[in-house]
Amino acid sequence: MRHPTTATVEPGSQSISPSMDGIELRDREFVAAIREGREPEAFLARVMPCHRTLVELETQLASQRLP
């Protein structure tokens, strides 16, 4: 059994069989977007508003837990 983040080389082949690991798939999409001259799906500017909201919620919850 291979680890989900590991790619395997097929016997007698020059190519690597990619895994279906989420991180690897995201990385492949990112590289493809750069090659195609488009914005990647996981572009940081799209994620930041959500991240700010999560940080704000975490801060509010943490302050409620402390007496």
C-alpha atoms as a PDB file:
ATOM      1  CA  MET A   1       0.000   0.000   0.000  1.00  0.00           C
ATOM      2  CA  ARG A   2       1.420   3.369  -0.931  1.00  0.00           C
ATOM      3  CA  HIS A   3       1.069   6.532   1.069  1.00  0.00           C
ATOM      4  CA  PRO A   4      -1.602   8.882  -0.401  1.00  0.00           C
ATOM      5  CA  THR A   5       0.929  11.666  -0.971  1.00  0.00           C
ATOM      6  CA  THR A   6       3.326   9.451  -2.898  1.00  0.00           C
ATOM      7  CA  ALA A   7       3.567   9.240  -6.671  1.00  0.00           C
ATOM      8  CA  THR A   8       4.580   5.939  -8.199  1.00  0.00           C
ATOM      9  CA  VAL A   9       6.721   5.174 -11.217  1.00  0.00           C
ATOM     10  CA  GLU A  10       5.175   2.517 -13.402  1.00  0.00           C
ATOM     11  CA  PRO A  11       7.603  -0.283 -14.352  1.00  0.00           C
ATOM     12  CA  GLY A  12       9.029   0.270 -17.831  1.00  0.00           C
ATOM     13  CA  SER A  13       7.547   3.754 -18.030  1.00  0.00           C
ATOM     14  CA  GLN A  14       9.128   7.192 -18.093  1.00  0.00           C
ATOM     15  CA  SER A  15       6.055   8.783 -16.509  1.00  0.00           C
ATOM     16  CA  ILE A  16       4.952   9.122 -12.924  1.00  0.00           C
ATOM     17  CA  SER A  17       1.482   8.066 -11.894  1.00  0.00           C
ATOM     18  CA  PRO A  18       0.124  10.951  -9.775  1.00  0.00           C
ATOM     19  CA  SER A  19      -1.726  10.409  -6.548  1.00  0.00           C
ATOM     20  CA  MET A  20      -5.176  11.830  -5.899  1.00  0.00           C
ATOM     21  CA  ASP A  21      -3.950  13.653  -2.784  1.00  0.00           C
ATOM     22  CA  GLY A  22      -5.706  16.996  -2.316  1.00  0.00           C
ATOM     23  CA  ILE A  23      -2.508  18.960  -1.827  1.00  0.00           C
ATOM     24  CA  GLU A  24      -0.942  17.481  -4.956  1.00  0.00           C
ATOM     25  CA  LEU A  25      -4.078  18.210  -6.980  1.00  0.00           C
ATOM     26  CA  ARG A  26      -4.122  21.814  -5.744  1.00  0.00           C
ATOM     27  CA  ASP A  27      -0.440  22.197  -6.616  1.00  0.00           C
ATOM     28  CA  ARG A  28      -1.018  20.790 -10.109  1.00  0.00           C
ATOM     29  CA  GLU A  29      -3.914  23.210 -10.648  1.00  0.00           C
ATOM     30  CA  PHE A  30      -1.759  26.111  -9.449  1.00  0.00           C
ATOM     31  CA  VAL A  31       1.058  25.247 -11.873  1.00  0.00           C
ATOM     32  CA  ALA A  32      -1.439  24.742 -14.718  1.00  0.00           C
ATOM     33  CA  ALA A  33      -2.955  28.184 -14.028  1.00  0.00           C
ATOM     34  CA  ILE A  34       0.461  29.825 -14.175  1.00  0.00           C
ATOM     35  CA  ARG A  35       1.280  28.063 -17.437  1.00  0.00           C
ATOM     36  CA  GLU A  36      -2.099  29.089 -18.896  1.00  0.00           C
ATOM     37  CA  GLY A  37      -1.751  32.697 -17.704  1.00  0.00           C
ATOM     38  CA  ARG A  38      -4.858  32.610 -15.528  1.00  0.00           C
ATOM     39  CA  GLU A  39      -5.586  33.144 -11.851  1.00  0.00           C
ATOM     40  CA  PRO A  40      -5.277  29.919  -9.815  1.00  0.00           C
ATOM     41  CA  GLU A  41      -8.437  28.554  -8.199  1.00  0.00           C
ATOM     42  CA  ALA A  42      -6.797  28.718  -4.764  1.00  0.00           C
ATOM     43  CA  PHE A  43      -5.700  32.335  -5.152  1.00  0.00           C
ATOM     44  CA  LEU A  44      -4.716  33.960  -1.850  1.00  0.00           C
ATOM     45  CA  ALA A  45      -6.740  37.134  -2.466  1.00  0.00           C
ATOM     46  CA  ARG A  46      -9.933  35.044  -2.598  1.00  0.00           C
ATOM     47  CA  VAL A  47      -9.150  33.273   0.665  1.00  0.00           C
ATOM     48  CA  MET A  48      -8.136  36.268   2.802  1.00  0.00           C
ATOM     49  CA  PRO A  49     -11.643  37.621   3.571  1.00  0.00           C
ATOM     50  CA  CYS A  50     -12.672  34.197   4.864  1.00  0.00           C
ATOM     51  CA  HIS A  51      -9.440  33.874   6.835  1.00  0.00           C
ATOM     52  CA  ARG A  52      -9.986  37.273   8.472  1.00  0.00           C
ATOM     53  CA  THR A  53     -13.498  36.255   9.509  1.00  0.00           C
ATOM     54  CA  LEU A  54     -12.225  32.985  10.992  1.00  0.00           C
ATOM     55  CA  VAL A  55      -9.507  34.805  12.944  1.00  0.00           C
ATOM     56  CA  GLU A  56     -12.081  37.274  14.278  1.00  0.00           C
ATOM     57  CA  LEU A  57     -14.382  34.435  15.352  1.00  0.00           C
ATOM     58  CA  GLU A  58     -11.501  32.591  16.996  1.00  0.00           C
ATOM     59  CA  THR A  59     -10.549  35.730  18.922  1.00  0.00           C
ATOM     60  CA  GLN A  60     -14.129  36.250  20.092  1.00  0.00           C
ATOM     61  CA  LEU A  61     -14.487  32.628  21.209  1.00  0.00           C
ATOM     62  CA  ALA A  62     -11.150  32.721  23.029  1.00  0.00           C
ATOM     63  CA  SER A  63     -12.159  35.849  24.939  1.00  0.00           C
ATOM     64  CA  GLN A  64     -15.433  34.201  26.027  1.00  0.00           C
ATOM     65  CA  ARG A  65     -13.605  31.193  27.457  1.00  0.00           C
ATOM     66  CA  LEU A  66     -11.341  33.206  29.726  1.00  0.00           C
ATOM     67  CA  PRO A  67     -12.939  34.584  32.918  1.00  0.00           C
END
